[in-house]
Amino acid sequence: MNNGKKSFFRKTIEFLSPPDNWKFPVILTLGIITGLGFHILYVSNAVSYVSDDPEVCVNCHVMNPEYATWQRGSHGKVATCNDCHVPQDNIIEKLWFKANDGLRHATIFTLRMEPQVIQIKEAGKKAVQENCIRCHTNQIHPIALRAINNRSVADQTERYCWECHRETPHGKVHSLSSAPYARVPKLKPVAEWILEDKEIIK
């Protein structure tokens, strides 16, 4: 039995191993791909996205207005971006949602395909709605909670909390001018020579 397992393992290794004259190019190519992968992880500050730090959200400059209006809004001292925008049911769903959403954001921003006005997607709407109810259940009137969870009695349509609470938590206008005293963290350039070159900084 053990001999059979060893021979199967040996055959698998032999099958996957490249021919002798290919070994160096294959190892070199894998090394380059691995190096590029680690460099991309470093440049994109990928490890930071596992945390709940709101400053991570402004790694992409287009999120500055959202950060500023959150910081100066009603939720700035009591909730982070992830508290509202990421499912909180369990850690696996939370990390899966962050990975899925983050990969889409990274792809869009890298390819410069971001829209002028950012719109929340359906999965994001669902997460925000669930988190509104999770945090504010004790403050929501039972009739309103029934209308939110089921359907409006008047027109039988689904309702989101922000259809009434439009200025929560980002304010009516999502712009830096609506939160003039907000301190948005500045992005740091990756290349050291950019920091050293005074003419470019000016």
N, C-alpha and C. Protein backbone atom coordinates (compact mmCIF):
# COMPACT_ATOMS: atom_id res chain seq x y z
N MET A 1 0.84 -1.21 0.00
CA MET A 1 0.00 0.00 0.00
C MET A 1 0.87 1.26 0.00
N ASN A 2 1.87 1.27 0.91
CA ASN A 2 2.76 2.42 0.99
C ASN A 2 3.59 2.57 -0.29
N ASN A 3 4.04 1.42 -0.84
CA ASN A 3 4.81 1.47 -2.08
C ASN A 3 3.98 2.04 -3.22
N GLY A 4 2.69 1.67 -3.23
CA GLY A 4 1.78 2.19 -4.26
C GLY A 4 1.62 3.69 -4.15
N LYS A 5 1.50 4.19 -2.89
CA LYS A 5 1.36 5.63 -2.67
C LYS A 5 2.64 6.36 -3.08
N LYS A 6 3.79 5.78 -2.73
CA LYS A 6 5.06 6.41 -3.08
C LYS A 6 5.25 6.47 -4.59
N SER A 7 4.90 5.37 -5.26
CA SER A 7 5.08 5.37 -6.71
C SER A 7 4.12 6.35 -7.38
N PHE A 8 2.89 6.46 -6.85
CA PHE A 8 1.94 7.44 -7.39
C PHE A 8 2.46 8.87 -7.19
N PHE A 9 3.00 9.12 -5.99
CA PHE A 9 3.54 10.44 -5.68
C PHE A 9 4.73 10.76 -6.58
N ARG A 10 5.62 9.76 -6.77
CA ARG A 10 6.80 9.94 -7.61
C ARG A 10 6.40 10.19 -9.06
N LYS A 11 5.40 9.44 -9.54
CA LYS A 11 4.92 9.61 -10.92
C LYS A 11 4.32 11.01 -11.12
N THR A 12 3.59 11.48 -10.11
CA THR A 12 2.98 12.82 -10.20
C THR A 12 4.06 13.89 -10.28
N ILE A 13 5.10 13.76 -9.43
CA ILE A 13 6.21 14.72 -9.45
C ILE A 13 6.91 14.71 -10.80
N GLU A 14 7.16 13.52 -11.32
CA GLU A 14 7.83 13.39 -12.62
C GLU A 14 6.99 14.00 -13.74
N PHE A 15 5.65 13.82 -13.64
CA PHE A 15 4.75 14.35 -14.66
C PHE A 15 4.75 15.88 -14.65
N LEU A 16 4.76 16.45 -13.42
CA LEU A 16 4.69 17.91 -13.29
C LEU A 16 6.05 18.58 -13.51
N SER A 17 7.14 17.83 -13.35
CA SER A 17 8.47 18.42 -13.53
C SER A 17 8.73 18.68 -15.01
N PRO A 18 9.27 19.87 -15.33
CA PRO A 18 9.60 20.16 -16.73
C PRO A 18 10.83 19.39 -17.17
N PRO A 19 11.04 19.23 -18.45
CA PRO A 19 12.27 18.59 -18.93
C PRO A 19 13.49 19.37 -18.46
N ASP A 20 14.64 18.69 -18.41
CA ASP A 20 15.87 19.31 -17.88
C ASP A 20 16.22 20.62 -18.57
N ASN A 21 16.08 20.68 -19.90
CA ASN A 21 16.46 21.92 -20.62
C ASN A 21 15.44 23.05 -20.40
N TRP A 22 14.29 22.73 -19.77
CA TRP A 22 13.27 23.75 -19.49
C TRP A 22 13.33 24.25 -18.04
N LYS A 23 14.04 23.57 -17.19
CA LYS A 23 13.98 23.86 -15.75
C LYS A 23 14.39 25.30 -15.44
N PHE A 24 15.50 25.76 -15.99
CA PHE A 24 15.95 27.12 -15.70
C PHE A 24 14.94 28.18 -16.16
N PRO A 25 14.45 28.11 -17.45
CA PRO A 25 13.45 29.11 -17.87
C PRO A 25 12.17 29.07 -17.02
N VAL A 26 11.73 27.87 -16.65
CA VAL A 26 10.51 27.75 -15.84
C VAL A 26 10.72 28.37 -14.46
N ILE A 27 11.87 28.04 -13.82
CA ILE A 27 12.16 28.61 -12.49
C ILE A 27 12.29 30.13 -12.58
N LEU A 28 12.96 30.62 -13.62
CA LEU A 28 13.11 32.07 -13.81
C LEU A 28 11.76 32.75 -14.00
N THR A 29 10.90 32.16 -14.84
CA THR A 29 9.57 32.73 -15.09
C THR A 29 8.73 32.74 -13.81
N LEU A 30 8.74 31.62 -13.07
CA LEU A 30 7.98 31.56 -11.81
C LEU A 30 8.51 32.58 -10.81
N GLY A 31 9.84 32.77 -10.78
CA GLY A 31 10.43 33.77 -9.89
C GLY A 31 9.99 35.18 -10.24
N ILE A 32 9.96 35.49 -11.54
CA ILE A 32 9.52 36.82 -11.99
C ILE A 32 8.05 37.05 -11.64
N ILE A 33 7.21 36.05 -11.91
CA ILE A 33 5.78 36.17 -11.61
C ILE A 33 5.56 36.35 -10.11
N THR A 34 6.27 35.55 -9.30
CA THR A 34 6.16 35.67 -7.84
C THR A 34 6.63 37.05 -7.37
N GLY A 35 7.76 37.52 -7.91
CA GLY A 35 8.26 38.84 -7.54
C GLY A 35 7.30 39.95 -7.90
N LEU A 36 6.73 39.87 -9.10
CA LEU A 36 5.73 40.88 -9.52
C LEU A 36 4.50 40.83 -8.63
N GLY A 37 4.09 39.61 -8.27
CA GLY A 37 2.93 39.46 -7.39
C GLY A 37 3.15 40.13 -6.05
N PHE A 38 4.32 39.90 -5.44
CA PHE A 38 4.63 40.54 -4.16
C PHE A 38 4.76 42.05 -4.31
N HIS A 39 5.31 42.50 -5.43
CA HIS A 39 5.44 43.95 -5.66
C HIS A 39 4.06 44.60 -5.78
N ILE A 40 3.15 43.95 -6.48
CA ILE A 40 1.78 44.47 -6.61
C ILE A 40 1.10 44.53 -5.25
N LEU A 41 1.29 43.49 -4.44
CA LEU A 41 0.72 43.48 -3.09
C LEU A 41 1.28 44.63 -2.26
N TYR A 42 2.59 44.91 -2.43
CA TYR A 42 3.22 45.99 -1.68
C TYR A 42 2.73 47.36 -2.15
N VAL A 43 2.73 47.57 -3.47
CA VAL A 43 2.33 48.87 -4.04
C VAL A 43 0.87 49.19 -3.71
N SER A 44 0.02 48.17 -3.79
CA SER A 44 -1.40 48.40 -3.54
C SER A 44 -1.75 48.42 -2.06
N ASN A 45 -0.74 48.17 -1.19
CA ASN A 45 -0.96 48.14 0.25
C ASN A 45 -2.07 47.14 0.59
N ALA A 46 -2.01 45.97 -0.04
CA ALA A 46 -3.09 44.98 0.03
C ALA A 46 -3.40 44.51 1.44
N VAL A 47 -2.38 44.39 2.29
CA VAL A 47 -2.60 43.89 3.65
C VAL A 47 -3.52 44.81 4.44
N SER A 48 -3.46 46.11 4.15
CA SER A 48 -4.27 47.07 4.90
C SER A 48 -5.76 46.85 4.72
N TYR A 49 -6.15 46.22 3.61
CA TYR A 49 -7.58 46.04 3.33
C TYR A 49 -8.25 45.01 4.23
N VAL A 50 -7.46 44.26 4.98
CA VAL A 50 -8.03 43.29 5.92
C VAL A 50 -8.55 44.02 7.16
N SER A 51 -7.99 45.20 7.44
CA SER A 51 -8.37 45.94 8.65
C SER A 51 -9.68 46.69 8.46
N ASP A 52 -10.12 47.32 9.55
CA ASP A 52 -11.34 48.14 9.53
C ASP A 52 -11.01 49.64 9.57
N ASP A 53 -9.77 49.99 9.31
CA ASP A 53 -9.34 51.39 9.37
C ASP A 53 -9.96 52.19 8.22
N PRO A 54 -10.72 53.25 8.53
CA PRO A 54 -11.34 54.05 7.47
C PRO A 54 -10.35 54.70 6.51
N GLU A 55 -9.11 54.94 6.97
CA GLU A 55 -8.12 55.57 6.11
C GLU A 55 -7.75 54.68 4.93
N VAL A 56 -8.00 53.38 5.05
CA VAL A 56 -7.74 52.46 3.94
C VAL A 56 -8.62 52.81 2.74
N CYS A 57 -9.82 53.27 3.02
CA CYS A 57 -10.77 53.58 1.94
C CYS A 57 -10.29 54.72 1.06
N VAL A 58 -9.43 55.60 1.59
CA VAL A 58 -8.93 56.70 0.78
C VAL A 58 -7.59 56.37 0.13
N ASN A 59 -7.25 55.07 0.07
CA ASN A 59 -6.12 54.66 -0.78
C ASN A 59 -6.42 55.05 -2.22
N CYS A 60 -7.69 55.08 -2.56
CA CYS A 60 -8.13 55.58 -3.87
C CYS A 60 -8.66 57.00 -3.65
N HIS A 61 -8.06 57.97 -4.32
CA HIS A 61 -8.38 59.38 -4.06
C HIS A 61 -9.83 59.73 -4.35
N VAL A 62 -10.51 58.96 -5.19
CA VAL A 62 -11.90 59.29 -5.51
C VAL A 62 -12.82 59.11 -4.31
N MET A 63 -12.31 58.44 -3.25
CA MET A 63 -13.12 58.25 -2.05
C MET A 63 -12.95 59.38 -1.04
N ASN A 64 -12.14 60.39 -1.36
CA ASN A 64 -11.92 61.49 -0.43
C ASN A 64 -13.21 62.18 0.03
N PRO A 65 -14.14 62.51 -0.89
CA PRO A 65 -15.38 63.15 -0.42
C PRO A 65 -16.17 62.27 0.52
N GLU A 66 -16.23 60.96 0.24
CA GLU A 66 -16.97 60.06 1.11
C GLU A 66 -16.32 59.99 2.49
N TYR A 67 -14.98 59.97 2.51
CA TYR A 67 -14.26 59.94 3.79
C TYR A 67 -14.52 61.22 4.58
N ALA A 68 -14.41 62.36 3.89
CA ALA A 68 -14.57 63.66 4.56
C ALA A 68 -15.98 63.83 5.11
N THR A 69 -16.98 63.47 4.32
CA THR A 69 -18.36 63.66 4.77
C THR A 69 -18.73 62.66 5.87
N TRP A 70 -18.14 61.46 5.83
CA TRP A 70 -18.35 60.50 6.93
C TRP A 70 -17.71 61.04 8.21
N GLN A 71 -16.47 61.55 8.08
CA GLN A 71 -15.73 62.02 9.24
C GLN A 71 -16.45 63.16 9.96
N ARG A 72 -17.07 64.05 9.19
CA ARG A 72 -17.76 65.19 9.78
C ARG A 72 -19.25 64.92 10.01
N GLY A 73 -19.70 63.74 9.64
CA GLY A 73 -21.13 63.41 9.77
C GLY A 73 -21.46 62.77 11.09
N SER A 74 -22.69 62.29 11.20
CA SER A 74 -23.20 61.75 12.46
C SER A 74 -22.56 60.44 12.86
N HIS A 75 -21.97 59.70 11.91
CA HIS A 75 -21.38 58.41 12.22
C HIS A 75 -19.87 58.46 12.39
N GLY A 76 -19.28 59.62 12.23
CA GLY A 76 -17.83 59.75 12.22
C GLY A 76 -17.13 59.25 13.47
N LYS A 77 -17.77 59.36 14.64
CA LYS A 77 -17.12 58.96 15.88
C LYS A 77 -17.63 57.62 16.41
N VAL A 78 -18.61 57.03 15.76
CA VAL A 78 -19.20 55.80 16.31
C VAL A 78 -19.13 54.59 15.38
N ALA A 79 -18.82 54.81 14.10
CA ALA A 79 -18.81 53.69 13.16
C ALA A 79 -17.73 53.90 12.10
N THR A 80 -17.16 52.80 11.64
CA THR A 80 -16.20 52.86 10.55
C THR A 80 -16.92 52.55 9.24
N CYS A 81 -16.21 52.69 8.14
CA CYS A 81 -16.80 52.39 6.82
C CYS A 81 -17.31 50.94 6.78
N ASN A 82 -16.50 50.02 7.30
CA ASN A 82 -16.87 48.60 7.26
C ASN A 82 -18.07 48.28 8.13
N ASP A 83 -18.29 49.05 9.20
CA ASP A 83 -19.45 48.82 10.05
C ASP A 83 -20.74 48.95 9.25
N CYS A 84 -20.73 49.83 8.27
CA CYS A 84 -21.94 50.07 7.47
C CYS A 84 -21.92 49.32 6.13
N HIS A 85 -20.77 49.27 5.47
CA HIS A 85 -20.72 48.82 4.08
C HIS A 85 -20.35 47.36 3.87
N VAL A 86 -20.06 46.63 4.95
CA VAL A 86 -19.64 45.23 4.83
C VAL A 86 -20.56 44.37 5.69
N PRO A 87 -21.01 43.21 5.21
CA PRO A 87 -21.85 42.32 6.03
C PRO A 87 -21.15 41.95 7.33
N GLN A 88 -21.91 41.88 8.42
CA GLN A 88 -21.34 41.60 9.73
C GLN A 88 -21.84 40.27 10.32
N ASP A 89 -22.47 39.43 9.48
CA ASP A 89 -23.03 38.16 9.98
C ASP A 89 -21.96 37.24 10.55
N ASN A 90 -20.90 37.03 9.78
CA ASN A 90 -19.79 36.20 10.25
C ASN A 90 -18.51 36.62 9.52
N ILE A 91 -17.38 36.17 10.06
CA ILE A 91 -16.08 36.62 9.56
C ILE A 91 -15.82 36.14 8.13
N ILE A 92 -16.31 34.96 7.79
CA ILE A 92 -16.07 34.42 6.44
C ILE A 92 -16.81 35.26 5.41
N GLU A 93 -18.09 35.55 5.68
CA GLU A 93 -18.86 36.38 4.74
C GLU A 93 -18.27 37.78 4.63
N LYS A 94 -17.82 38.31 5.77
CA LYS A 94 -17.22 39.65 5.78
C LYS A 94 -15.97 39.69 4.90
N LEU A 95 -15.05 38.75 5.10
CA LEU A 95 -13.81 38.73 4.33
C LEU A 95 -14.06 38.44 2.86
N TRP A 96 -15.03 37.56 2.57
CA TRP A 96 -15.37 37.25 1.18
C TRP A 96 -15.91 38.48 0.47
N PHE A 97 -16.80 39.22 1.15
CA PHE A 97 -17.38 40.44 0.58
C PHE A 97 -16.29 41.48 0.33
N LYS A 98 -15.38 41.66 1.32
CA LYS A 98 -14.30 42.63 1.17
C LYS A 98 -13.38 42.26 0.02
N ALA A 99 -13.05 40.97 -0.10
CA ALA A 99 -12.17 40.52 -1.18
C ALA A 99 -12.81 40.72 -2.54
N ASN A 100 -14.07 40.35 -2.64
CA ASN A 100 -14.82 40.47 -3.90
C ASN A 100 -14.96 41.94 -4.31
N ASP A 101 -15.39 42.76 -3.37
CA ASP A 101 -15.60 44.18 -3.64
C ASP A 101 -14.26 44.88 -3.90
N GLY A 102 -13.25 44.53 -3.11
CA GLY A 102 -11.94 45.15 -3.26
C GLY A 102 -11.30 44.84 -4.60
N LEU A 103 -11.45 43.58 -5.06
CA LEU A 103 -10.88 43.21 -6.35
C LEU A 103 -11.56 43.98 -7.48
N ARG A 104 -12.88 44.14 -7.37
CA ARG A 104 -13.60 44.91 -8.39
C ARG A 104 -13.15 46.37 -8.38
N HIS A 105 -13.05 46.96 -7.17
CA HIS A 105 -12.60 48.35 -7.07
C HIS A 105 -11.20 48.52 -7.62
N ALA A 106 -10.29 47.61 -7.25
CA ALA A 106 -8.91 47.71 -7.71
C ALA A 106 -8.83 47.62 -9.22
N THR A 107 -9.61 46.73 -9.81
CA THR A 107 -9.60 46.58 -11.26
C THR A 107 -10.12 47.85 -11.94
N ILE A 108 -11.23 48.38 -11.44
CA ILE A 108 -11.83 49.58 -12.04
C ILE A 108 -10.89 50.78 -11.92
N PHE A 109 -10.29 50.98 -10.73
CA PHE A 109 -9.43 52.14 -10.53
C PHE A 109 -8.11 51.99 -11.28
N THR A 110 -7.58 50.76 -11.37
CA THR A 110 -6.33 50.55 -12.10
C THR A 110 -6.52 50.83 -13.58
N LEU A 111 -7.66 50.42 -14.14
CA LEU A 111 -7.94 50.63 -15.56
C LEU A 111 -8.55 52.00 -15.84
N ARG A 112 -8.67 52.83 -14.79
CA ARG A 112 -9.23 54.20 -14.90
C ARG A 112 -10.64 54.16 -15.49
N MET A 113 -11.46 53.24 -15.03
CA MET A 113 -12.83 53.11 -15.51
C MET A 113 -13.85 53.62 -14.50
N GLU A 114 -13.38 54.31 -13.44
CA GLU A 114 -14.31 54.75 -12.40
C GLU A 114 -15.23 55.84 -12.94
N PRO A 115 -16.51 55.81 -12.56
CA PRO A 115 -17.45 56.83 -13.04
C PRO A 115 -17.25 58.15 -12.30
N GLN A 116 -17.77 59.22 -12.86
CA GLN A 116 -17.69 60.52 -12.21
C GLN A 116 -18.46 60.52 -10.90
N VAL A 117 -19.61 59.87 -10.91
CA VAL A 117 -20.43 59.76 -9.69
C VAL A 117 -20.48 58.29 -9.29
N ILE A 118 -20.00 58.00 -8.10
CA ILE A 118 -19.96 56.61 -7.63
C ILE A 118 -21.35 56.20 -7.16
N GLN A 119 -21.80 55.06 -7.63
CA GLN A 119 -23.11 54.53 -7.25
C GLN A 119 -22.93 53.21 -6.52
N ILE A 120 -23.66 53.02 -5.44
CA ILE A 120 -23.57 51.77 -4.69
C ILE A 120 -24.26 50.65 -5.46
N LYS A 121 -23.66 49.47 -5.43
CA LYS A 121 -24.21 48.30 -6.13
C LYS A 121 -25.25 47.61 -5.25
N GLU A 122 -25.99 46.65 -5.84
CA GLU A 122 -27.07 45.97 -5.12
C GLU A 122 -26.56 45.25 -3.87
N ALA A 123 -25.41 44.55 -3.99
CA ALA A 123 -24.86 43.84 -2.83
C ALA A 123 -24.51 44.83 -1.72
N GLY A 124 -23.99 45.99 -2.11
CA GLY A 124 -23.67 47.03 -1.14
C GLY A 124 -24.91 47.59 -0.47
N LYS A 125 -25.97 47.80 -1.25
CA LYS A 125 -27.23 48.29 -0.69
C LYS A 125 -27.78 47.33 0.36
N LYS A 126 -27.72 46.05 0.03
CA LYS A 126 -28.22 45.03 0.96
C LYS A 126 -27.42 45.05 2.26
N ALA A 127 -26.09 45.15 2.15
CA ALA A 127 -25.24 45.17 3.34
C ALA A 127 -25.52 46.40 4.20
N VAL A 128 -25.63 47.57 3.56
CA VAL A 128 -25.89 48.81 4.31
C VAL A 128 -27.25 48.73 5.00
N GLN A 129 -28.26 48.25 4.28
CA GLN A 129 -29.60 48.14 4.86
C GLN A 129 -29.60 47.23 6.09
N GLU A 130 -28.95 46.07 5.96
CA GLU A 130 -28.90 45.13 7.10
C GLU A 130 -28.16 45.75 8.29
N ASN A 131 -27.12 46.52 8.01
CA ASN A 131 -26.35 47.13 9.10
C ASN A 131 -27.09 48.29 9.74
N CYS A 132 -27.87 49.03 8.96
CA CYS A 132 -28.71 50.08 9.55
C CYS A 132 -29.67 49.47 10.57
N ILE A 133 -30.33 48.40 10.16
CA ILE A 133 -31.30 47.73 11.04
C ILE A 133 -30.59 47.10 12.23
N ARG A 134 -29.42 46.49 12.00
CA ARG A 134 -28.67 45.84 13.08
C ARG A 134 -28.31 46.83 14.18
N CYS A 135 -27.86 48.03 13.80
CA CYS A 135 -27.44 49.01 14.79
C CYS A 135 -28.60 49.78 15.41
N HIS A 136 -29.67 49.99 14.63
CA HIS A 136 -30.73 50.91 15.08
C HIS A 136 -32.06 50.23 15.36
N THR A 137 -32.06 48.91 15.55
CA THR A 137 -33.32 48.19 15.78
C THR A 137 -34.10 48.78 16.95
N ASN A 138 -33.41 49.14 18.03
CA ASN A 138 -34.09 49.67 19.22
C ASN A 138 -34.69 51.05 19.00
N GLN A 139 -34.26 51.74 17.94
CA GLN A 139 -34.76 53.09 17.68
C GLN A 139 -35.81 53.13 16.59
N ILE A 140 -36.01 52.01 15.91
CA ILE A 140 -36.96 51.98 14.80
C ILE A 140 -38.33 51.55 15.31
N HIS A 141 -39.35 52.32 14.97
CA HIS A 141 -40.72 51.98 15.37
C HIS A 141 -41.11 50.65 14.71
N PRO A 142 -41.82 49.78 15.44
CA PRO A 142 -42.19 48.46 14.88
C PRO A 142 -42.91 48.53 13.53
N ILE A 143 -43.75 49.55 13.33
CA ILE A 143 -44.47 49.67 12.05
C ILE A 143 -43.47 50.00 10.94
N ALA A 144 -42.54 50.92 11.23
CA ALA A 144 -41.53 51.27 10.23
C ALA A 144 -40.64 50.08 9.93
N LEU A 145 -40.27 49.33 10.96
CA LEU A 145 -39.43 48.15 10.77
C LEU A 145 -40.14 47.11 9.90
N ARG A 146 -41.45 46.98 10.11
CA ARG A 146 -42.23 46.04 9.29
C ARG A 146 -42.26 46.50 7.84
N ALA A 147 -42.41 47.79 7.62
CA ALA A 147 -42.44 48.33 6.26
C ALA A 147 -41.09 48.15 5.57
N ILE A 148 -40.00 48.32 6.34
CA ILE A 148 -38.66 48.16 5.77
C ILE A 148 -38.41 46.70 5.42
N ASN A 149 -38.70 45.82 6.36
CA ASN A 149 -38.40 44.41 6.16
C ASN A 149 -39.32 43.73 5.16
N ASN A 150 -40.56 44.19 5.09
CA ASN A 150 -41.49 43.60 4.14
C ASN A 150 -41.70 44.56 2.97
N ARG A 151 -42.85 45.21 2.94
CA ARG A 151 -43.11 46.17 1.89
C ARG A 151 -43.96 47.30 2.42
N SER A 152 -43.86 48.44 1.77
CA SER A 152 -44.66 49.59 2.17
C SER A 152 -46.14 49.26 1.98
N VAL A 153 -46.94 49.60 2.98
CA VAL A 153 -48.38 49.33 2.89
C VAL A 153 -49.00 50.14 1.76
N ALA A 154 -48.49 51.35 1.54
CA ALA A 154 -49.10 52.25 0.56
C ALA A 154 -48.91 51.78 -0.87
N ASP A 155 -47.67 51.52 -1.28
CA ASP A 155 -47.46 51.21 -2.70
C ASP A 155 -46.78 49.86 -2.94
N GLN A 156 -46.63 49.06 -1.87
CA GLN A 156 -46.08 47.71 -2.01
C GLN A 156 -44.69 47.68 -2.66
N THR A 157 -43.88 48.66 -2.33
CA THR A 157 -42.51 48.67 -2.85
C THR A 157 -41.52 48.58 -1.69
N GLU A 158 -40.37 48.02 -1.94
CA GLU A 158 -39.35 47.92 -0.91
C GLU A 158 -38.77 49.30 -0.60
N ARG A 159 -38.36 49.49 0.63
CA ARG A 159 -37.80 50.77 1.05
C ARG A 159 -36.43 50.58 1.65
N TYR A 160 -35.54 51.55 1.40
CA TYR A 160 -34.24 51.59 2.06
C TYR A 160 -34.26 52.71 3.09
N CYS A 161 -33.50 52.54 4.15
CA CYS A 161 -33.47 53.54 5.22
C CYS A 161 -33.10 54.92 4.69
N TRP A 162 -32.12 54.96 3.76
CA TRP A 162 -31.61 56.25 3.28
C TRP A 162 -32.55 56.95 2.31
N GLU A 163 -33.67 56.33 1.96
CA GLU A 163 -34.64 57.04 1.14
C GLU A 163 -35.26 58.19 1.93
N CYS A 164 -35.34 58.02 3.25
CA CYS A 164 -35.80 59.11 4.11
C CYS A 164 -34.63 59.85 4.76
N HIS A 165 -33.65 59.07 5.22
CA HIS A 165 -32.50 59.64 5.92
C HIS A 165 -31.38 59.91 4.93
N ARG A 166 -31.63 60.80 3.98
CA ARG A 166 -30.70 61.02 2.87
C ARG A 166 -29.38 61.65 3.30
N GLU A 167 -29.39 62.39 4.38
CA GLU A 167 -28.17 63.08 4.78
C GLU A 167 -27.34 62.27 5.78
N THR A 168 -27.72 61.01 6.00
CA THR A 168 -27.01 60.15 6.94
C THR A 168 -26.26 59.08 6.17
N PRO A 169 -25.00 58.88 6.38
CA PRO A 169 -24.09 59.68 7.22
C PRO A 169 -23.20 60.60 6.41
N HIS A 170 -23.39 60.66 5.08
CA HIS A 170 -22.46 61.41 4.24
C HIS A 170 -22.91 62.83 3.91
N GLY A 171 -24.05 63.24 4.38
CA GLY A 171 -24.54 64.57 4.02
C GLY A 171 -25.26 64.56 2.69
N LYS A 172 -25.92 65.66 2.40
CA LYS A 172 -26.72 65.75 1.18
C LYS A 172 -25.84 65.76 -0.06
N VAL A 173 -24.73 66.50 -0.01
CA VAL A 173 -23.83 66.59 -1.15
C VAL A 173 -22.54 65.86 -0.80
N HIS A 174 -22.17 64.86 -1.59
CA HIS A 174 -20.94 64.12 -1.34
C HIS A 174 -19.77 64.86 -1.97
N SER A 175 -19.30 65.88 -1.30
CA SER A 175 -18.17 66.63 -1.83
C SER A 175 -17.34 67.17 -0.69
N LEU A 176 -16.08 67.52 -0.99
CA LEU A 176 -15.21 68.08 0.04
C LEU A 176 -15.71 69.44 0.51
N SER A 177 -16.43 70.17 -0.36
CA SER A 177 -16.93 71.48 0.03
C SER A 177 -18.03 71.38 1.08
N SER A 178 -18.69 70.21 1.16
CA SER A 178 -19.74 70.05 2.18
C SER A 178 -19.15 69.69 3.54
N ALA A 179 -17.85 69.39 3.58
CA ALA A 179 -17.17 69.11 4.84
C ALA A 179 -15.82 69.81 4.83
N PRO A 180 -15.82 71.15 4.89
CA PRO A 180 -14.58 71.91 4.68
C PRO A 180 -13.52 71.70 5.75
N TYR A 181 -13.90 71.25 6.95
CA TYR A 181 -12.92 71.11 8.02
C TYR A 181 -12.45 69.68 8.22
N ALA A 182 -12.81 68.82 7.31
CA ALA A 182 -12.38 67.42 7.41
C ALA A 182 -10.91 67.30 7.05
N ARG A 183 -10.24 66.41 7.73
CA ARG A 183 -8.83 66.15 7.44
C ARG A 183 -8.71 64.82 6.73
N VAL A 184 -8.56 64.88 5.44
CA VAL A 184 -8.44 63.68 4.63
C VAL A 184 -6.98 63.27 4.58
N PRO A 185 -6.65 62.02 4.94
CA PRO A 185 -5.24 61.58 4.88
C PRO A 185 -4.69 61.71 3.48
N LYS A 186 -3.44 62.17 3.38
CA LYS A 186 -2.80 62.30 2.07
C LYS A 186 -2.17 60.97 1.66
N LEU A 187 -2.28 60.67 0.38
CA LEU A 187 -1.65 59.46 -0.14
C LEU A 187 -0.14 59.68 -0.21
N LYS A 188 0.62 58.64 0.15
CA LYS A 188 2.08 58.73 0.07
C LYS A 188 2.54 58.08 -1.23
N PRO A 189 3.37 58.77 -2.01
CA PRO A 189 3.89 58.15 -3.23
C PRO A 189 4.79 56.97 -2.87
N VAL A 190 4.79 55.96 -3.71
CA VAL A 190 5.59 54.77 -3.45
C VAL A 190 7.06 55.03 -3.70
N ALA A 191 7.38 55.72 -4.79
CA ALA A 191 8.78 55.95 -5.17
C ALA A 191 9.42 56.99 -4.27
N GLU A 192 10.57 56.65 -3.69
CA GLU A 192 11.27 57.56 -2.78
C GLU A 192 11.76 58.81 -3.51
N TRP A 193 12.13 58.68 -4.81
CA TRP A 193 12.67 59.83 -5.53
C TRP A 193 11.64 60.93 -5.68
N ILE A 194 10.36 60.59 -5.64
CA ILE A 194 9.32 61.62 -5.72
C ILE A 194 9.36 62.49 -4.47
N LEU A 195 9.59 61.86 -3.32
CA LEU A 195 9.67 62.62 -2.07
C LEU A 195 10.93 63.48 -2.03
N GLU A 196 12.01 62.99 -2.64
CA GLU A 196 13.29 63.70 -2.59
C GLU A 196 13.38 64.86 -3.58
N ASP A 197 12.65 64.76 -4.69
CA ASP A 197 12.74 65.79 -5.73
C ASP A 197 11.88 66.99 -5.34
N LYS A 198 12.51 68.08 -4.93
CA LYS A 198 11.79 69.26 -4.44
C LYS A 198 10.99 69.93 -5.55
N GLU A 199 11.50 69.90 -6.77
CA GLU A 199 10.80 70.57 -7.87
C GLU A 199 9.46 69.91 -8.15
N ILE A 200 9.40 68.58 -8.06
CA ILE A 200 8.15 67.88 -8.31
C ILE A 200 7.15 68.16 -7.20
N ILE A 201 7.65 68.20 -5.95
CA ILE A 201 6.76 68.47 -4.81
C ILE A 201 6.16 69.85 -4.93
N LYS A 202 6.98 70.85 -5.40
CA LYS A 202 6.45 72.22 -5.58
C LYS A 202 5.43 72.24 -6.68
